[in-house]
Amino acid sequence: MRSLFINTSSFFMTIAILEKGMVIYKKEEELLVDMASKIVPEIELSFNNVPFNIQDIDKIFVVTGPGSFTGVRVGVTVAKIIGWALKKDVIPLSSLELLATTYCETSNKIPVIDARRGYVFAGVYDSDLNVIMPDKYTLLSSLEEYMKDGTMISYDKIDKAIMPKLDIAKIVLKHINDKPISPHALKPNYLKLTEAEEKKTRQMQ
């Protein structure tokens, strides 16, 4: 089994190629701008570092959010195009579950993405990535009950949060037998409306 992993949901672009459940190539780069223009060339370059071509992969795993609205769209669009062009299975992943692959000694892992004004995108997982609290848009203060035996994980500057150290193989292996979706049906999972959508909704009320 050979897979391509794509994550552009934050300011880090991550591309990985896996074979038989192991990561055989990974590229992670901080990109504050130009994610859209760099992702496709980087995927092409990635396959120069493995002994097979992109046509030889079996599945595409793509992080569909929540996170940066623009970044999520970039990754989803690229996965849709590759999946459609090469007729490959596509499996969506949660950015919060991905953060939760970070090793922690506590029972609960609390991945968090800053959504501003005291709100966050967050979920709670155990060490096997079983869901304790489903991913949602919520107040940061609402997570206090899980902090008694939990570790907050975030790329953002959030008090008491540790920086992620992603275990891509772990999340791919968990979802390796998930039912794939059609590339045409793949869409971002923002967990909330964009600001433009919220403004339009208010105007219609």
Protein backbone atom coordinates (compact mmCIF):
# COMPACT_ATOMS: atom_id res chain seq x y z
CA MET A 1 0.00 0.00 0.00
CA ARG A 2 1.41 3.36 -1.08
CA SER A 3 -0.10 6.64 -0.04
CA LEU A 4 0.31 10.37 -0.48
CA PHE A 5 -0.42 12.60 2.52
CA ILE A 6 -1.20 16.31 2.12
CA ASN A 7 -1.70 18.90 4.86
CA THR A 8 -2.01 22.62 4.17
CA SER A 9 -4.45 23.48 6.95
CA SER A 10 -1.99 25.66 8.87
CA PHE A 11 1.05 27.79 8.03
CA PHE A 12 3.01 24.52 7.79
CA MET A 13 2.81 22.64 4.51
CA THR A 14 3.35 18.92 5.06
CA ILE A 15 3.75 16.37 2.29
CA ALA A 16 4.49 12.74 3.06
CA ILE A 17 4.76 9.53 1.08
CA LEU A 18 4.06 6.26 2.86
CA GLU A 19 4.66 2.65 1.91
CA LYS A 20 3.46 -0.35 3.93
CA GLY A 21 2.41 1.91 6.78
CA MET A 22 5.74 3.69 7.09
CA VAL A 23 6.67 7.25 6.14
CA ILE A 24 9.46 6.97 3.58
CA TYR A 25 9.57 10.65 2.70
CA LYS A 26 8.37 13.79 4.46
CA LYS A 27 8.64 17.48 3.65
CA GLU A 28 7.45 20.02 6.19
CA GLU A 29 7.92 23.71 5.54
CA GLU A 30 6.60 26.86 7.15
CA LEU A 31 4.86 28.92 4.49
CA LEU A 32 3.16 32.15 5.43
CA VAL A 33 2.45 32.96 1.77
CA ASP A 34 2.48 31.24 -1.64
CA MET A 35 1.11 27.91 -0.41
CA ALA A 36 -0.94 27.55 -3.59
CA SER A 37 2.00 28.08 -5.91
CA LYS A 38 4.39 25.79 -4.04
CA ILE A 39 2.32 22.73 -3.16
CA VAL A 40 2.17 21.09 -6.60
CA PRO A 41 5.89 21.53 -7.43
CA GLU A 42 6.77 20.19 -3.98
CA ILE A 43 4.62 17.10 -4.52
CA GLU A 44 6.34 16.50 -7.86
CA LEU A 45 9.77 16.88 -6.22
CA SER A 46 8.76 14.52 -3.42
CA PHE A 47 8.46 11.60 -5.81
CA ASN A 48 12.06 12.14 -6.91
CA ASN A 49 13.00 10.84 -3.46
CA VAL A 50 11.15 7.51 -3.57
CA PRO A 51 11.49 4.48 -5.88
CA PHE A 52 8.07 4.84 -7.51
CA ASN A 53 5.92 7.43 -9.26
CA ILE A 54 2.82 9.29 -8.17
CA GLN A 55 0.82 7.04 -10.53
CA ASP A 56 1.79 4.10 -8.31
CA ILE A 57 0.08 5.34 -5.14
CA ASP A 58 -3.11 3.66 -3.95
CA LYS A 59 -4.62 6.39 -1.78
CA ILE A 60 -4.48 10.10 -1.07
CA PHE A 61 -4.95 11.27 2.52
CA VAL A 62 -5.73 14.96 2.77
CA VAL A 63 -6.38 17.16 5.79
CA THR A 64 -9.67 18.94 5.14
CA GLY A 65 -9.75 21.20 8.19
CA PRO A 66 -10.50 22.98 10.33
CA GLY A 67 -7.79 25.59 10.01
CA SER A 68 -6.78 28.32 7.62
CA PHE A 69 -9.65 28.78 5.17
CA THR A 70 -7.24 29.49 2.30
CA GLY A 71 -4.81 26.74 3.26
CA VAL A 72 -7.52 24.11 3.59
CA ARG A 73 -8.89 25.01 0.15
CA VAL A 74 -5.43 24.61 -1.37
CA GLY A 75 -4.93 21.08 -0.04
CA VAL A 76 -8.45 19.96 -0.87
CA THR A 77 -8.22 21.32 -4.42
CA VAL A 78 -4.89 19.60 -5.07
CA ALA A 79 -6.17 16.28 -3.69
CA LYS A 80 -9.31 16.54 -5.82
CA ILE A 81 -7.27 17.14 -8.97
CA ILE A 82 -4.79 14.32 -8.33
CA GLY A 83 -7.50 11.92 -7.26
CA TRP A 84 -9.62 12.65 -10.30
CA ALA A 85 -6.73 12.64 -12.80
CA LEU A 86 -5.17 9.41 -11.53
CA LYS A 87 -8.41 7.73 -10.40
CA LYS A 88 -7.13 7.27 -6.86
CA ASP A 89 -9.05 6.85 -3.62
CA VAL A 90 -9.24 9.98 -1.46
CA ILE A 91 -9.65 9.91 2.32
CA PRO A 92 -10.26 13.12 4.32
CA LEU A 93 -8.60 13.66 7.71
CA SER A 94 -9.19 16.06 10.58
CA SER A 95 -6.47 18.61 11.31
CA LEU A 96 -7.29 18.31 15.01
CA GLU A 97 -6.95 14.55 15.00
CA LEU A 98 -3.62 15.00 13.23
CA LEU A 99 -2.41 17.31 16.01
CA ALA A 100 -3.55 14.67 18.50
CA THR A 101 -0.98 12.20 17.13
CA THR A 102 1.58 14.15 19.17
CA TYR A 103 2.90 12.01 22.02
CA CYS A 104 1.71 13.06 25.49
CA GLU A 105 1.90 11.37 28.88
CA THR A 106 -1.60 12.53 29.85
CA SER A 107 -4.77 10.57 29.12
CA ASN A 108 -6.38 13.34 27.10
CA LYS A 109 -4.94 15.09 24.08
CA ILE A 110 -6.55 18.44 23.36
CA PRO A 111 -5.64 19.73 19.88
CA VAL A 112 -6.48 23.42 19.52
CA ILE A 113 -6.47 25.92 16.66
CA ASP A 114 -6.94 29.59 17.50
CA ALA A 115 -10.15 30.97 15.95
CA ARG A 116 -9.76 34.43 17.56
CA ARG A 117 -11.87 36.40 20.06
CA GLY A 118 -11.56 33.66 22.68
CA TYR A 119 -12.81 30.93 20.37
CA VAL A 120 -10.94 27.88 19.12
CA PHE A 121 -11.37 24.83 16.96
CA ALA A 122 -10.79 21.93 19.31
CA GLY A 123 -11.32 18.25 19.94
CA VAL A 124 -10.33 15.80 22.64
CA TYR A 125 -8.75 12.42 21.89
CA ASP A 126 -7.17 9.60 23.86
CA SER A 127 -3.80 8.05 23.08
CA ASP A 128 -5.34 5.73 20.46
CA LEU A 129 -7.07 8.68 18.74
CA ASN A 130 -10.48 7.62 19.97
CA VAL A 131 -12.77 10.64 20.16
CA ILE A 132 -13.62 11.90 23.64
CA MET A 133 -15.03 15.24 22.46
CA PRO A 134 -15.83 15.66 18.75
CA ASP A 135 -14.14 18.47 16.85
CA LYS A 136 -16.03 21.72 17.23
CA TYR A 137 -15.87 25.51 17.26
CA THR A 138 -16.00 26.51 20.90
CA LEU A 139 -14.80 28.87 23.59
CA LEU A 140 -11.28 28.14 24.81
CA SER A 141 -12.58 28.36 28.38
CA SER A 142 -14.95 25.44 27.71
CA LEU A 143 -12.00 23.05 27.54
CA GLU A 144 -11.02 23.55 31.17
CA GLU A 145 -12.73 20.33 32.34
CA TYR A 146 -10.52 18.26 30.03
CA MET A 147 -7.30 19.91 31.22
CA LYS A 148 -7.33 18.05 34.55
CA ASP A 149 -5.77 15.07 32.81
CA GLY A 150 -5.03 16.52 29.41
CA THR A 151 -2.38 18.24 27.33
CA MET A 152 -3.23 21.05 24.95
CA ILE A 153 -1.49 20.85 21.57
CA SER A 154 -1.28 23.77 19.15
CA TYR A 155 0.88 25.59 16.64
CA ASP A 156 -0.65 28.80 17.97
CA LYS A 157 0.52 30.75 21.00
CA ILE A 158 -2.03 29.43 23.46
CA ASP A 159 -1.27 29.28 27.17
CA LYS A 160 -0.13 25.82 28.36
CA ALA A 161 -0.15 24.38 24.83
CA ILE A 162 2.78 22.33 23.58
CA MET A 163 4.03 22.36 20.00
CA PRO A 164 2.86 19.43 17.83
CA LYS A 165 5.14 16.62 16.77
CA LEU A 166 3.03 14.85 14.18
CA ASP A 167 2.92 11.07 13.77
CA ILE A 168 1.60 10.85 10.22
CA ALA A 169 1.87 7.07 10.06
CA LYS A 170 -0.38 6.75 13.11
CA ILE A 171 -3.30 8.68 11.62
CA VAL A 172 -2.93 7.07 8.20
CA LEU A 173 -2.92 3.57 9.67
CA LYS A 174 -6.03 4.38 11.71
CA HIS A 175 -7.91 5.46 8.60
CA ILE A 176 -6.35 3.13 6.03
CA ASN A 177 -9.57 1.13 5.68
CA ASP A 178 -11.95 4.10 5.74
CA LYS A 179 -14.41 4.20 2.89
CA PRO A 180 -12.91 6.57 0.29
CA ILE A 181 -14.93 9.39 -1.18
CA SER A 182 -15.18 10.62 -4.73
CA PRO A 183 -12.76 13.47 -5.51
CA HIS A 184 -15.78 15.45 -6.66
CA ALA A 185 -17.38 15.06 -3.22
CA LEU A 186 -14.28 16.16 -1.30
CA LYS A 187 -14.79 19.48 0.45
CA PRO A 188 -13.28 21.53 3.27
CA ASN A 189 -14.46 21.00 6.83
CA TYR A 190 -14.31 24.51 8.27
CA LEU A 191 -16.53 23.79 11.31
CA LYS A 192 -17.90 27.33 10.99
CA LEU A 193 -18.92 29.79 8.33
CA THR A 194 -16.32 32.07 6.82
CA GLU A 195 -16.57 35.75 7.79
CA ALA A 196 -18.04 36.54 4.37
CA GLU A 197 -20.65 33.81 4.81
CA GLU A 198 -21.50 35.02 8.31
CA LYS A 199 -21.95 38.58 7.03
CA LYS A 200 -24.21 37.37 4.22
CA THR A 201 -26.25 35.31 6.69
CA ARG A 202 -26.73 38.34 8.96
CA GLN A 203 -27.83 40.46 6.01
CA MET A 204 -30.44 37.87 5.05
CA GLN A 205 -31.94 37.73 8.53
